[in-house]
Amino acid sequence: MCRALDEMFEESTNKGIQMGIKQGIEQGIEQGIEQGVERGAKNTQIKIAIKMLVRNNQTLEEISEIVGLDLDALRELKKNI
């Protein structure tokens, strides 16, 4: 009887661990997707701001101060716009 209870306990513990791992992975994926979407939206907003500032004849140095990016990162972004 004790052995059967031990086996049942072990089996339910293993299932609980597996379910916990699965749930953790699913939550991690969801959070990763949310963060990726947020970053994409922020990058789009920064690119739009840079385009507007460039059209208004702002220098890269001025744009760098406004959007809070270092000059090299800003130059790379500008190449991709």
C-alpha atoms as a PDB file:
ATOM      1  CA  MET A   1       0.000   0.000   0.000  1.00  0.00           C
ATOM      2  CA  CYS A   2       2.767   2.465   0.913  1.00  0.00           C
ATOM      3  CA  ARG A   3       4.642   1.663  -2.266  1.00  0.00           C
ATOM      4  CA  ALA A   4       1.550   2.338  -4.381  1.00  0.00           C
ATOM      5  CA  LEU A   5       1.059   5.691  -2.627  1.00  0.00           C
ATOM      6  CA  ASP A   6       4.714   6.565  -3.159  1.00  0.00           C
ATOM      7  CA  GLU A   7       4.401   5.776  -6.875  1.00  0.00           C
ATOM      8  CA  MET A   8       1.211   7.825  -7.169  1.00  0.00           C
ATOM      9  CA  PHE A   9       2.877  10.732  -5.370  1.00  0.00           C
ATOM     10  CA  GLU A  10       5.934  10.522  -7.597  1.00  0.00           C
ATOM     11  CA  GLU A  11       3.807  10.327 -10.736  1.00  0.00           C
ATOM     12  CA  SER A  12       1.660  13.309  -9.750  1.00  0.00           C
ATOM     13  CA  THR A  13       4.774  15.270  -8.763  1.00  0.00           C
ATOM     14  CA  ASN A  14       6.351  14.573 -12.145  1.00  0.00           C
ATOM     15  CA  LYS A  15       3.160  15.610 -13.946  1.00  0.00           C
ATOM     16  CA  GLY A  16       3.041  18.799 -11.873  1.00  0.00           C
ATOM     17  CA  ILE A  17       6.633  19.599 -12.746  1.00  0.00           C
ATOM     18  CA  GLN A  18       5.985  18.967 -16.444  1.00  0.00           C
ATOM     19  CA  MET A  19       2.885  21.155 -16.400  1.00  0.00           C
ATOM     20  CA  GLY A  20       4.802  23.905 -14.596  1.00  0.00           C
ATOM     21  CA  ILE A  21       7.605  23.799 -17.138  1.00  0.00           C
ATOM     22  CA  LYS A  22       5.120  23.876 -20.030  1.00  0.00           C
ATOM     23  CA  GLN A  23       3.258  26.820 -18.508  1.00  0.00           C
ATOM     24  CA  GLY A  24       6.530  28.669 -17.885  1.00  0.00           C
ATOM     25  CA  ILE A  25       7.616  28.190 -21.487  1.00  0.00           C
ATOM     26  CA  GLU A  26       4.241  29.398 -22.791  1.00  0.00           C
ATOM     27  CA  GLN A  27       4.378  32.494 -20.591  1.00  0.00           C
ATOM     28  CA  GLY A  28       7.951  33.173 -21.673  1.00  0.00           C
ATOM     29  CA  ILE A  29       6.961  32.982 -25.333  1.00  0.00           C
ATOM     30  CA  GLU A  30       4.013  35.326 -24.769  1.00  0.00           C
ATOM     31  CA  GLN A  31       6.196  37.832 -22.944  1.00  0.00           C
ATOM     32  CA  GLY A  32       8.831  37.626 -25.673  1.00  0.00           C
ATOM     33  CA  ILE A  33       6.246  38.353 -28.351  1.00  0.00           C
ATOM     34  CA  GLU A  34       4.837  41.290 -26.370  1.00  0.00           C
ATOM     35  CA  GLN A  35       8.294  42.759 -25.847  1.00  0.00           C
ATOM     36  CA  GLY A  36       9.147  42.304 -29.522  1.00  0.00           C
ATOM     37  CA  VAL A  37       5.975  44.117 -30.570  1.00  0.00           C
ATOM     38  CA  GLU A  38       6.694  46.945 -28.106  1.00  0.00           C
ATOM     39  CA  ARG A  39      10.257  47.326 -29.349  1.00  0.00           C
ATOM     40  CA  GLY A  40       9.082  47.290 -32.953  1.00  0.00           C
ATOM     41  CA  ALA A  41       6.567  50.036 -32.211  1.00  0.00           C
ATOM     42  CA  LYS A  42       9.223  52.123 -30.451  1.00  0.00           C
ATOM     43  CA  ASN A  43      11.654  51.687 -33.352  1.00  0.00           C
ATOM     44  CA  THR A  44       8.938  52.753 -35.774  1.00  0.00           C
ATOM     45  CA  GLN A  45       8.179  55.833 -33.681  1.00  0.00           C
ATOM     46  CA  ILE A  46      11.868  56.749 -33.539  1.00  0.00           C
ATOM     47  CA  LYS A  47      12.224  56.293 -37.308  1.00  0.00           C
ATOM     48  CA  ILE A  48       9.207  58.515 -37.928  1.00  0.00           C
ATOM     49  CA  ALA A  49      10.601  61.166 -35.567  1.00  0.00           C
ATOM     50  CA  ILE A  50      13.977  61.038 -37.314  1.00  0.00           C
ATOM     51  CA  LYS A  51      12.333  61.397 -40.743  1.00  0.00           C
ATOM     52  CA  MET A  52      10.398  64.429 -39.541  1.00  0.00           C
ATOM     53  CA  LEU A  53      13.492  66.013 -38.006  1.00  0.00           C
ATOM     54  CA  VAL A  54      15.572  65.381 -41.139  1.00  0.00           C
ATOM     55  CA  ARG A  55      12.844  67.010 -43.248  1.00  0.00           C
ATOM     56  CA  ASN A  56      13.036  70.011 -40.907  1.00  0.00           C
ATOM     57  CA  ASN A  57      16.785  70.262 -41.612  1.00  0.00           C
ATOM     58  CA  GLN A  58      17.860  69.221 -38.103  1.00  0.00           C
ATOM     59  CA  THR A  59      21.470  68.059 -37.863  1.00  0.00           C
ATOM     60  CA  LEU A  60      22.280  64.539 -36.746  1.00  0.00           C
ATOM     61  CA  GLU A  61      23.737  65.974 -33.557  1.00  0.00           C
ATOM     62  CA  GLU A  62      20.473  67.774 -32.796  1.00  0.00           C
ATOM     63  CA  ILE A  63      18.435  64.692 -33.613  1.00  0.00           C
ATOM     64  CA  SER A  64      20.722  62.619 -31.384  1.00  0.00           C
ATOM     65  CA  GLU A  65      19.982  64.896 -28.454  1.00  0.00           C
ATOM     66  CA  ILE A  66      16.239  64.878 -29.144  1.00  0.00           C
ATOM     67  CA  VAL A  67      15.741  61.105 -29.512  1.00  0.00           C
ATOM     68  CA  GLY A  68      18.443  60.091 -27.041  1.00  0.00           C
ATOM     69  CA  LEU A  69      20.522  57.918 -29.366  1.00  0.00           C
ATOM     70  CA  ASP A  70      24.255  58.094 -29.793  1.00  0.00           C
ATOM     71  CA  LEU A  71      25.449  59.467 -33.098  1.00  0.00           C
ATOM     72  CA  ASP A  72      26.689  56.139 -34.512  1.00  0.00           C
ATOM     73  CA  ALA A  73      23.391  54.385 -33.764  1.00  0.00           C
ATOM     74  CA  LEU A  74      21.553  57.306 -35.325  1.00  0.00           C
ATOM     75  CA  ARG A  75      23.673  57.122 -38.480  1.00  0.00           C
ATOM     76  CA  GLU A  76      22.855  53.414 -38.809  1.00  0.00           C
ATOM     77  CA  LEU A  77      19.137  54.088 -38.362  1.00  0.00           C
ATOM     78  CA  LYS A  78      19.253  56.871 -40.934  1.00  0.00           C
ATOM     79  CA  LYS A  79      20.816  54.512 -43.495  1.00  0.00           C
ATOM     80  CA  ASN A  80      17.849  52.152 -43.107  1.00  0.00           C
ATOM     81  CA  ILE A  81      15.172  54.829 -43.436  1.00  0.00           C
END
